[in-house]
Amino acid sequence: MEGRFFAGQLLIAMPGIGDPRFERAVILVCAHDSQHALGVAVNRPVDGLTVPDLLERLEIKSEIKAPADLVLMGGPVERERGFVVHTDDYRAEHSLDISAGVALTATRDVLEAMAAGDGTPRLALLALGYAGWGAGQLENEIKDNVWLSCDADEALVFGADHETKWTRALAKLGVDPERLSFTAGRA
C-alpha cells in the first residue's frame, strides 16, 4: 500500500465502522498525498435542503429553474463550507482536478455558473463539509479494514439515488453487503 494514493477513488465504509457519521458512507477522495487526504461523501443528503434553497439563501439569482437536487453532508470538517464536485467542463482559477473528467471547486463562482443555466458544469453535486485525514491515517484505516475502495463512476458520484449508493458501490466490487462481517480478521 505504500506510495498508493486514492484520489479519484470511492471509499466504501465497512459495516461496524464505529462512527455514525460514516455509517454506510460512500466518499469520493478528492485529494490524497503523503501528508493528507480530503474526501466528500456523495450519499448523505441534508434533510430538506435543496440546491435551489441554498442558492436563494446565498442570494444567487438563478437564470433557470434549478433542479431540486439535495445538498449533501460532505463530512464532519468545516460543515458550514460548501464544496462542489463537478464535471471538468467547468473550470475556475481554484478548481482542483480529482480525476479524468471530475473536479472540485469551493468558491462561489461555481454556484453562479450552476445558476446561470449555460450547461456547465454538466453534472454537479453540492456538499457541506468534508472528511479529512492526516499523514498515513487513511492508509492505516484501509489496512484496518475500515474502508473498501472502488473506481468512481458518474452514476455513483452524481446520481440522485443516495439510498442505494453504498450497496451499488459494494456491488462494483462483487461484494454482497449481507455477507460482510462486522469484525475484521487477519490471515
C-alpha atoms as a PDB file:
ATOM      1  CA  MET A   1       0.000   0.000   0.000  1.00  0.00           C
ATOM      2  CA  GLU A   2       2.998   2.300   0.441  1.00  0.00           C
ATOM      3  CA  GLY A   3       3.030   5.030  -2.197  1.00  0.00           C
ATOM      4  CA  ARG A   4      -0.541   4.290  -3.296  1.00  0.00           C
ATOM      5  CA  PHE A   5      -2.838   7.257  -3.220  1.00  0.00           C
ATOM      6  CA  PHE A   6      -6.599   7.125  -3.575  1.00  0.00           C
ATOM      7  CA  ALA A   7      -7.554  10.439  -5.256  1.00  0.00           C
ATOM      8  CA  GLY A   8     -10.424   9.800  -7.652  1.00  0.00           C
ATOM      9  CA  GLN A   9     -11.457   6.601  -5.864  1.00  0.00           C
ATOM     10  CA  LEU A  10     -14.572   5.966  -3.810  1.00  0.00           C
ATOM     11  CA  LEU A  11     -14.211   4.828  -0.226  1.00  0.00           C
ATOM     12  CA  ILE A  12     -16.961   2.497   0.979  1.00  0.00           C
ATOM     13  CA  ALA A  13     -17.472   2.287   4.736  1.00  0.00           C
ATOM     14  CA  MET A  14     -17.384  -1.219   6.150  1.00  0.00           C
ATOM     15  CA  PRO A  15     -20.208  -2.301   8.457  1.00  0.00           C
ATOM     16  CA  GLY A  16     -19.441  -1.587  12.086  1.00  0.00           C
ATOM     17  CA  ILE A  17     -17.202   1.375  11.247  1.00  0.00           C
ATOM     18  CA  GLY A  18     -17.861   2.608  14.783  1.00  0.00           C
ATOM     19  CA  ASP A  19     -18.559   6.210  13.798  1.00  0.00           C
ATOM     20  CA  PRO A  20     -22.184   7.075  12.983  1.00  0.00           C
ATOM     21  CA  ARG A  21     -21.005   9.993  10.823  1.00  0.00           C
ATOM     22  CA  PHE A  22     -19.607   7.437   8.376  1.00  0.00           C
ATOM     23  CA  GLU A  23     -22.038   4.521   8.683  1.00  0.00           C
ATOM     24  CA  ARG A  24     -22.764   3.283   5.097  1.00  0.00           C
ATOM     25  CA  ALA A  25     -20.854   6.298   3.709  1.00  0.00           C
ATOM     26  CA  VAL A  26     -19.532   6.489   0.165  1.00  0.00           C
ATOM     27  CA  ILE A  27     -16.783   9.095  -0.047  1.00  0.00           C
ATOM     28  CA  LEU A  28     -15.109  10.460  -3.161  1.00  0.00           C
ATOM     29  CA  VAL A  29     -11.427  11.023  -2.380  1.00  0.00           C
ATOM     30  CA  CYS A  30     -10.717  14.449  -3.871  1.00  0.00           C
ATOM     31  CA  ALA A  31      -7.076  14.822  -2.832  1.00  0.00           C
ATOM     32  CA  HIS A  32      -4.570  12.410  -1.316  1.00  0.00           C
ATOM     33  CA  ASP A  33      -0.828  12.570  -0.858  1.00  0.00           C
ATOM     34  CA  SER A  34       1.693  11.573   1.815  1.00  0.00           C
ATOM     35  CA  GLN A  35       0.601  14.417   4.113  1.00  0.00           C
ATOM     36  CA  HIS A  36      -3.205  14.403   3.977  1.00  0.00           C
ATOM     37  CA  ALA A  37      -6.382  13.186   2.314  1.00  0.00           C
ATOM     38  CA  LEU A  38      -9.633  15.024   1.665  1.00  0.00           C
ATOM     39  CA  GLY A  39     -12.908  13.463   0.593  1.00  0.00           C
ATOM     40  CA  VAL A  40     -16.564  14.354   0.134  1.00  0.00           C
ATOM     41  CA  ALA A  41     -19.408  11.972   0.973  1.00  0.00           C
ATOM     42  CA  VAL A  42     -21.643  11.515  -2.067  1.00  0.00           C
ATOM     43  CA  ASN A  43     -24.582   9.749  -0.412  1.00  0.00           C
ATOM     44  CA  ARG A  44     -25.531  11.751   2.691  1.00  0.00           C
ATOM     45  CA  PRO A  45     -28.338  14.236   1.914  1.00  0.00           C
ATOM     46  CA  VAL A  46     -29.074  17.053   4.346  1.00  0.00           C
ATOM     47  CA  ASP A  47     -32.751  16.673   5.262  1.00  0.00           C
ATOM     48  CA  GLY A  48     -34.897  19.238   3.496  1.00  0.00           C
ATOM     49  CA  LEU A  49     -32.089  21.333   1.993  1.00  0.00           C
ATOM     50  CA  THR A  50     -32.022  21.588  -1.793  1.00  0.00           C
ATOM     51  CA  VAL A  51     -29.602  23.335  -4.125  1.00  0.00           C
ATOM     52  CA  PRO A  52     -32.230  25.974  -5.089  1.00  0.00           C
ATOM     53  CA  ASP A  53     -32.847  26.637  -1.358  1.00  0.00           C
ATOM     54  CA  LEU A  54     -29.147  27.170  -0.761  1.00  0.00           C
ATOM     55  CA  LEU A  55     -28.747  29.404  -3.837  1.00  0.00           C
ATOM     56  CA  GLU A  56     -31.616  31.530  -2.541  1.00  0.00           C
ATOM     57  CA  ARG A  57     -30.056  31.751   0.944  1.00  0.00           C
ATOM     58  CA  LEU A  58     -26.797  32.883  -0.646  1.00  0.00           C
ATOM     59  CA  GLU A  59     -28.697  35.423  -2.753  1.00  0.00           C
ATOM     60  CA  ILE A  60     -27.553  33.864  -6.019  1.00  0.00           C
ATOM     61  CA  LYS A  61     -30.156  34.550  -8.701  1.00  0.00           C
ATOM     62  CA  SER A  62     -30.848  31.519 -10.841  1.00  0.00           C
ATOM     63  CA  GLU A  63     -31.476  32.051 -14.552  1.00  0.00           C
ATOM     64  CA  ILE A  64     -33.066  28.615 -14.759  1.00  0.00           C
ATOM     65  CA  LYS A  65     -35.320  26.507 -12.612  1.00  0.00           C
ATOM     66  CA  ALA A  66     -32.525  24.695 -10.839  1.00  0.00           C
ATOM     67  CA  PRO A  67     -33.200  21.014 -10.223  1.00  0.00           C
ATOM     68  CA  ALA A  68     -34.263  20.247  -6.670  1.00  0.00           C
ATOM     69  CA  ASP A  69     -31.117  18.214  -6.012  1.00  0.00           C
ATOM     70  CA  LEU A  70     -30.437  17.723  -2.354  1.00  0.00           C
ATOM     71  CA  VAL A  71     -27.429  19.307  -0.707  1.00  0.00           C
ATOM     72  CA  LEU A  72     -25.164  16.640   0.770  1.00  0.00           C
ATOM     73  CA  MET A  73     -23.295  16.457   4.071  1.00  0.00           C
ATOM     74  CA  GLY A  74     -19.785  16.054   2.702  1.00  0.00           C
ATOM     75  CA  GLY A  75     -18.198  15.301   6.049  1.00  0.00           C
ATOM     76  CA  PRO A  76     -17.718  16.469   9.616  1.00  0.00           C
ATOM     77  CA  VAL A  77     -14.977  19.038   8.934  1.00  0.00           C
ATOM     78  CA  GLU A  78     -15.929  22.675   8.135  1.00  0.00           C
ATOM     79  CA  ARG A  79     -19.614  21.790   7.775  1.00  0.00           C
ATOM     80  CA  GLU A  80     -20.544  25.399   7.022  1.00  0.00           C
ATOM     81  CA  ARG A  81     -18.262  25.489   3.960  1.00  0.00           C
ATOM     82  CA  GLY A  82     -19.548  24.392   0.551  1.00  0.00           C
ATOM     83  CA  PHE A  83     -17.747  22.122  -1.887  1.00  0.00           C
ATOM     84  CA  VAL A  84     -18.960  21.420  -5.412  1.00  0.00           C
ATOM     85  CA  VAL A  85     -17.839  18.229  -7.126  1.00  0.00           C
ATOM     86  CA  HIS A  86     -18.472  18.673 -10.839  1.00  0.00           C
ATOM     87  CA  THR A  87     -17.587  17.558 -14.316  1.00  0.00           C
ATOM     88  CA  ASP A  88     -14.451  19.229 -15.644  1.00  0.00           C
ATOM     89  CA  ASP A  89     -16.284  21.069 -18.427  1.00  0.00           C
ATOM     90  CA  TYR A  90     -16.372  23.878 -15.858  1.00  0.00           C
ATOM     91  CA  ARG A  91     -13.074  25.316 -14.593  1.00  0.00           C
ATOM     92  CA  ALA A  92     -12.337  28.114 -12.150  1.00  0.00           C
ATOM     93  CA  GLU A  93      -8.994  29.508 -11.089  1.00  0.00           C
ATOM     94  CA  HIS A  94      -9.043  27.434  -7.894  1.00  0.00           C
ATOM     95  CA  SER A  95     -10.637  24.228  -9.235  1.00  0.00           C
ATOM     96  CA  LEU A  96      -8.873  21.036  -8.162  1.00  0.00           C
ATOM     97  CA  ASP A  97      -8.685  18.142 -10.611  1.00  0.00           C
ATOM     98  CA  ILE A  98      -9.813  14.953  -8.875  1.00  0.00           C
ATOM     99  CA  SER A  99      -9.588  12.518 -11.773  1.00  0.00           C
ATOM    100  CA  ALA A 100     -10.192  12.462 -15.507  1.00  0.00           C
ATOM    101  CA  GLY A 101     -13.449  14.318 -16.043  1.00  0.00           C
ATOM    102  CA  VAL A 102     -14.091  15.334 -12.412  1.00  0.00           C
ATOM    103  CA  ALA A 103     -13.034  18.417 -10.431  1.00  0.00           C
ATOM    104  CA  LEU A 104     -13.756  20.134  -7.116  1.00  0.00           C
ATOM    105  CA  THR A 105     -14.405  23.845  -6.649  1.00  0.00           C
ATOM    106  CA  ALA A 106     -15.033  25.509  -3.300  1.00  0.00           C
ATOM    107  CA  THR A 107     -15.648  29.085  -4.449  1.00  0.00           C
ATOM    108  CA  ARG A 108     -18.850  30.983  -5.124  1.00  0.00           C
ATOM    109  CA  ASP A 109     -18.217  31.219  -8.871  1.00  0.00           C
ATOM    110  CA  VAL A 110     -19.164  27.566  -9.430  1.00  0.00           C
ATOM    111  CA  LEU A 111     -22.539  28.205  -7.757  1.00  0.00           C
ATOM    112  CA  GLU A 112     -23.054  31.184 -10.039  1.00  0.00           C
ATOM    113  CA  ALA A 113     -22.195  29.026 -13.054  1.00  0.00           C
ATOM    114  CA  MET A 114     -24.701  26.393 -11.924  1.00  0.00           C
ATOM    115  CA  ALA A 115     -27.372  29.092 -11.564  1.00  0.00           C
ATOM    116  CA  ALA A 116     -26.575  30.644 -14.964  1.00  0.00           C
ATOM    117  CA  GLY A 117     -28.005  27.660 -16.787  1.00  0.00           C
ATOM    118  CA  ASP A 118     -25.498  27.566 -19.643  1.00  0.00           C
ATOM    119  CA  GLY A 119     -24.956  23.833 -19.225  1.00  0.00           C
ATOM    120  CA  THR A 120     -21.658  23.958 -17.378  1.00  0.00           C
ATOM    121  CA  PRO A 121     -20.915  22.112 -15.326  1.00  0.00           C
ATOM    122  CA  ARG A 122     -22.823  19.283 -16.987  1.00  0.00           C
ATOM    123  CA  LEU A 123     -23.111  17.407 -13.649  1.00  0.00           C
ATOM    124  CA  ALA A 124     -22.510  18.687 -10.132  1.00  0.00           C
ATOM    125  CA  LEU A 125     -23.189  17.929  -6.505  1.00  0.00           C
ATOM    126  CA  LEU A 126     -23.064  20.421  -3.670  1.00  0.00           C
ATOM    127  CA  ALA A 127     -21.796  19.271  -0.283  1.00  0.00           C
ATOM    128  CA  LEU A 128     -21.310  20.991   3.043  1.00  0.00           C
ATOM    129  CA  GLY A 129     -18.134  19.989   4.831  1.00  0.00           C
ATOM    130  CA  TYR A 130     -15.580  17.314   4.049  1.00  0.00           C
ATOM    131  CA  ALA A 131     -13.847  14.292   5.520  1.00  0.00           C
ATOM    132  CA  GLY A 132     -10.160  14.745   6.248  1.00  0.00           C
ATOM    133  CA  TRP A 133      -7.259  12.523   7.237  1.00  0.00           C
ATOM    134  CA  GLY A 134      -3.729  13.317   8.392  1.00  0.00           C
ATOM    135  CA  ALA A 135      -0.470  11.776   7.185  1.00  0.00           C
ATOM    136  CA  GLY A 136      -0.859   7.993   6.907  1.00  0.00           C
ATOM    137  CA  GLN A 137      -4.257   7.964   8.616  1.00  0.00           C
ATOM    138  CA  LEU A 138      -6.318   6.906   5.593  1.00  0.00           C
ATOM    139  CA  GLU A 139      -3.799   4.239   4.606  1.00  0.00           C
ATOM    140  CA  ASN A 140      -3.950   2.815   8.146  1.00  0.00           C
ATOM    141  CA  GLU A 141      -7.758   2.817   8.147  1.00  0.00           C
ATOM    142  CA  ILE A 142      -7.746   0.908   4.853  1.00  0.00           C
ATOM    143  CA  LYS A 143      -5.241  -1.602   6.270  1.00  0.00           C
ATOM    144  CA  ASP A 144      -7.520  -1.985   9.301  1.00  0.00           C
ATOM    145  CA  ASN A 145     -10.484  -2.821   7.025  1.00  0.00           C
ATOM    146  CA  VAL A 146     -12.411   0.357   7.850  1.00  0.00           C
ATOM    147  CA  TRP A 147     -12.832   1.177   4.137  1.00  0.00           C
ATOM    148  CA  LEU A 148     -13.023  -0.629   0.837  1.00  0.00           C
ATOM    149  CA  SER A 149     -12.244   1.299  -2.335  1.00  0.00           C
ATOM    150  CA  CYS A 150     -13.509   1.163  -5.898  1.00  0.00           C
ATOM    151  CA  ASP A 151     -13.312   3.206  -9.062  1.00  0.00           C
ATOM    152  CA  ALA A 152     -15.656   6.171  -9.178  1.00  0.00           C
ATOM    153  CA  ASP A 153     -18.217   6.496 -11.940  1.00  0.00           C
ATOM    154  CA  GLU A 154     -20.736   9.223 -12.797  1.00  0.00           C
ATOM    155  CA  ALA A 155     -23.763   7.269 -11.556  1.00  0.00           C
ATOM    156  CA  LEU A 156     -22.247   6.718  -8.115  1.00  0.00           C
ATOM    157  CA  VAL A 157     -20.832  10.215  -7.764  1.00  0.00           C
ATOM    158  CA  PHE A 158     -23.611  12.313  -9.298  1.00  0.00           C
ATOM    159  CA  GLY A 159     -26.678  10.039  -9.163  1.00  0.00           C
ATOM    160  CA  ALA A 160     -29.650  11.175  -7.082  1.00  0.00           C
ATOM    161  CA  ASP A 161     -30.460   7.741  -5.613  1.00  0.00           C
ATOM    162  CA  HIS A 162     -28.453   8.258  -2.434  1.00  0.00           C
ATOM    163  CA  GLU A 163     -30.141   5.373  -0.591  1.00  0.00           C
ATOM    164  CA  THR A 164     -28.591   2.738  -2.868  1.00  0.00           C
ATOM    165  CA  LYS A 165     -25.119   4.172  -3.485  1.00  0.00           C
ATOM    166  CA  TRP A 166     -23.453   2.175  -0.704  1.00  0.00           C
ATOM    167  CA  THR A 167     -24.909  -1.125  -1.960  1.00  0.00           C
ATOM    168  CA  ARG A 168     -24.150  -0.257  -5.588  1.00  0.00           C
ATOM    169  CA  ALA A 169     -20.547   0.681  -4.738  1.00  0.00           C
ATOM    170  CA  LEU A 170     -20.097  -2.669  -2.996  1.00  0.00           C
ATOM    171  CA  ALA A 171     -21.657  -4.421  -5.998  1.00  0.00           C
ATOM    172  CA  LYS A 172     -18.947  -2.878  -8.226  1.00  0.00           C
ATOM    173  CA  LEU A 173     -16.505  -4.943  -6.188  1.00  0.00           C
ATOM    174  CA  GLY A 174     -18.684  -8.051  -6.346  1.00  0.00           C
ATOM    175  CA  VAL A 175     -19.465  -7.749  -2.631  1.00  0.00           C
ATOM    176  CA  ASP A 176     -22.871  -8.659  -1.217  1.00  0.00           C
ATOM    177  CA  PRO A 177     -23.484  -6.459   1.864  1.00  0.00           C
ATOM    178  CA  GLU A 178     -25.406  -9.313   3.506  1.00  0.00           C
ATOM    179  CA  ARG A 179     -22.178 -11.338   3.556  1.00  0.00           C
ATOM    180  CA  LEU A 180     -19.984  -8.645   5.124  1.00  0.00           C
ATOM    181  CA  SER A 181     -18.832  -9.236   8.666  1.00  0.00           C
ATOM    182  CA  PHE A 182     -18.814  -6.585  11.365  1.00  0.00           C
ATOM    183  CA  THR A 183     -15.458  -7.891  12.561  1.00  0.00           C
ATOM    184  CA  ALA A 184     -12.203  -7.991  10.669  1.00  0.00           C
ATOM    185  CA  GLY A 185      -9.591 -10.705  10.810  1.00  0.00           C
ATOM    186  CA  ARG A 186      -6.039 -11.258   9.669  1.00  0.00           C
ATOM    187  CA  ALA A 187      -4.767 -14.368   7.944  1.00  0.00           C
END
